[in-house]
Amino acid sequence: MDIKVKRVYETYAKEDGVRILVDRLWPRGIKKEDAQIDKWFKEIAPSSELRKWYDHDPEKFEAFNQKYHAEIDGTKVLDELINYIREHKTVTLVFSSKELKLNNAMVLKNIIDEHTD
């Protein structure tokens, strides 16, 4: 199983495999028919409260990471996402944040990796 992470604004590539949007809100400026999203797991995204609290502040990332883990670990939606991913050889978690490393998709990838090793 190959799990990648990519901004929705980056060009689609066949190597992306199945593209899963992991944001709660649809990305600004992207038409649904142009996004090439295979599945939208909006329930896996951080809660609105957590997202607003974090506000992509690098100094809050470690706390965000822990809070996001606690928020979704052991949930039905995480199990559903992992089962969906297991059905595919290559999956790309797609997100809209400008922050390439300190975002919910990167945290989510680590959580998935922990549950699938």
Protein backbone atom coordinates (compact mmCIF):
# COMPACT_ATOMS: atom_id res chain seq x y z
CA MET A 1 0.00 0.00 0.00
CA ASP A 2 1.44 3.35 -1.10
CA ILE A 3 0.01 6.44 0.60
CA LYS A 4 0.98 9.88 -0.72
CA VAL A 5 0.00 13.40 0.31
CA LYS A 6 -0.60 16.22 -2.19
CA ARG A 7 -2.22 19.66 -2.41
CA VAL A 8 -5.45 19.71 -4.39
CA TYR A 9 -4.04 22.64 -6.38
CA GLU A 10 -1.17 20.53 -7.73
CA THR A 11 -1.66 18.89 -11.10
CA TYR A 12 -3.29 15.49 -11.14
CA ALA A 13 -1.01 12.62 -12.13
CA LYS A 14 -1.85 8.98 -12.89
CA GLU A 15 0.68 8.06 -10.18
CA ASP A 16 -1.70 9.61 -7.60
CA GLY A 17 -3.86 6.51 -7.76
CA VAL A 18 -7.11 7.00 -5.86
CA ARG A 19 -7.43 10.60 -4.66
CA ILE A 20 -9.10 11.17 -1.30
CA LEU A 21 -9.95 14.69 -0.15
CA VAL A 22 -9.42 14.86 3.64
CA ASP A 23 -10.57 18.45 4.30
CA ARG A 24 -13.89 19.37 5.92
CA LEU A 25 -14.49 22.20 3.44
CA TRP A 26 -14.33 22.02 -0.35
CA PRO A 27 -11.16 23.81 -1.61
CA ARG A 28 -11.67 27.36 -2.83
CA GLY A 29 -11.44 27.98 -6.55
CA ILE A 30 -11.62 24.30 -7.53
CA LYS A 31 -14.58 22.96 -9.47
CA LYS A 32 -15.70 19.51 -8.36
CA GLU A 33 -15.48 18.19 -11.91
CA ASP A 34 -11.87 19.47 -12.22
CA ALA A 35 -10.55 18.19 -8.89
CA GLN A 36 -10.38 14.52 -9.88
CA ILE A 37 -11.31 13.46 -6.36
CA ASP A 38 -12.43 9.84 -6.07
CA LYS A 39 -13.71 10.06 -2.49
CA TRP A 40 -14.30 12.87 -0.02
CA PHE A 41 -13.87 11.86 3.62
CA LYS A 42 -14.85 15.19 5.16
CA GLU A 43 -15.70 13.56 8.51
CA ILE A 44 -12.02 12.56 8.96
CA ALA A 45 -10.90 16.19 8.91
CA PRO A 46 -10.20 18.02 12.17
CA SER A 47 -13.25 19.50 13.83
CA SER A 48 -14.01 23.11 13.00
CA GLU A 49 -13.01 24.08 16.53
CA LEU A 50 -9.63 22.35 16.27
CA ARG A 51 -8.98 23.71 12.78
CA LYS A 52 -9.75 27.27 13.84
CA TRP A 53 -7.68 26.93 17.03
CA TYR A 54 -4.67 25.62 15.10
CA ASP A 55 -4.92 28.24 12.32
CA HIS A 56 -1.75 26.80 10.70
CA ASP A 57 0.42 28.25 13.46
CA PRO A 58 3.72 26.29 13.32
CA GLU A 59 4.19 26.79 17.07
CA LYS A 60 0.91 24.95 17.71
CA PHE A 61 1.62 22.02 15.37
CA GLU A 62 2.74 19.50 17.99
CA ALA A 63 -0.34 20.24 20.12
CA PHE A 64 -2.52 20.10 16.98
CA ASN A 65 -0.98 16.73 16.11
CA GLN A 66 -1.83 15.32 19.55
CA LYS A 67 -5.34 16.81 19.62
CA TYR A 68 -6.12 15.56 16.10
CA HIS A 69 -4.86 12.09 17.03
CA ALA A 70 -7.13 12.09 20.09
CA GLU A 71 -10.06 13.38 18.05
CA ILE A 72 -10.04 10.61 15.43
CA ASP A 73 -8.20 7.67 16.96
CA GLY A 74 -10.58 4.75 17.39
CA THR A 75 -13.42 6.36 15.44
CA LYS A 76 -15.64 4.61 12.93
CA VAL A 77 -14.66 7.06 10.18
CA LEU A 78 -10.95 6.27 10.65
CA ASP A 79 -11.75 2.55 10.33
CA GLU A 80 -13.80 3.27 7.18
CA LEU A 81 -10.95 5.30 5.67
CA ILE A 82 -8.36 2.62 6.43
CA ASN A 83 -10.60 -0.08 4.94
CA TYR A 84 -11.13 2.06 1.83
CA ILE A 85 -7.38 2.61 1.47
CA ARG A 86 -6.68 -1.12 1.83
CA GLU A 87 -8.82 -1.73 -1.27
CA HIS A 88 -6.38 0.26 -3.42
CA LYS A 89 -2.72 -0.09 -4.30
CA THR A 90 -1.91 3.62 -4.41
CA VAL A 91 -3.77 6.40 -2.59
CA THR A 92 -3.16 10.13 -2.38
CA LEU A 93 -4.55 12.11 0.53
CA VAL A 94 -5.48 15.47 -0.95
CA PHE A 95 -5.64 18.70 1.08
CA SER A 96 -5.91 22.43 0.39
CA SER A 97 -3.65 24.05 2.99
CA LYS A 98 -0.78 26.23 1.78
CA GLU A 99 1.33 24.63 4.50
CA LEU A 100 2.95 21.60 2.86
CA LYS A 101 4.28 19.80 5.95
CA LEU A 102 2.32 21.02 8.97
CA ASN A 103 -1.22 20.10 7.93
CA ASN A 104 -3.96 17.61 8.78
CA ALA A 105 -3.21 15.34 5.79
CA MET A 106 0.36 14.74 6.99
CA VAL A 107 -0.88 13.96 10.51
CA LEU A 108 -3.56 11.69 9.05
CA LYS A 109 -0.99 9.82 6.94
CA ASN A 110 1.04 9.13 10.09
CA ILE A 111 -2.06 7.90 11.92
CA ILE A 112 -2.93 5.59 9.02
CA ASP A 113 0.66 4.31 8.89
CA GLU A 114 0.48 3.52 12.63
CA HIS A 115 -2.72 1.50 12.10
CA THR A 116 -1.59 -0.40 9.02
CA ASP A 117 1.93 -1.53 9.95
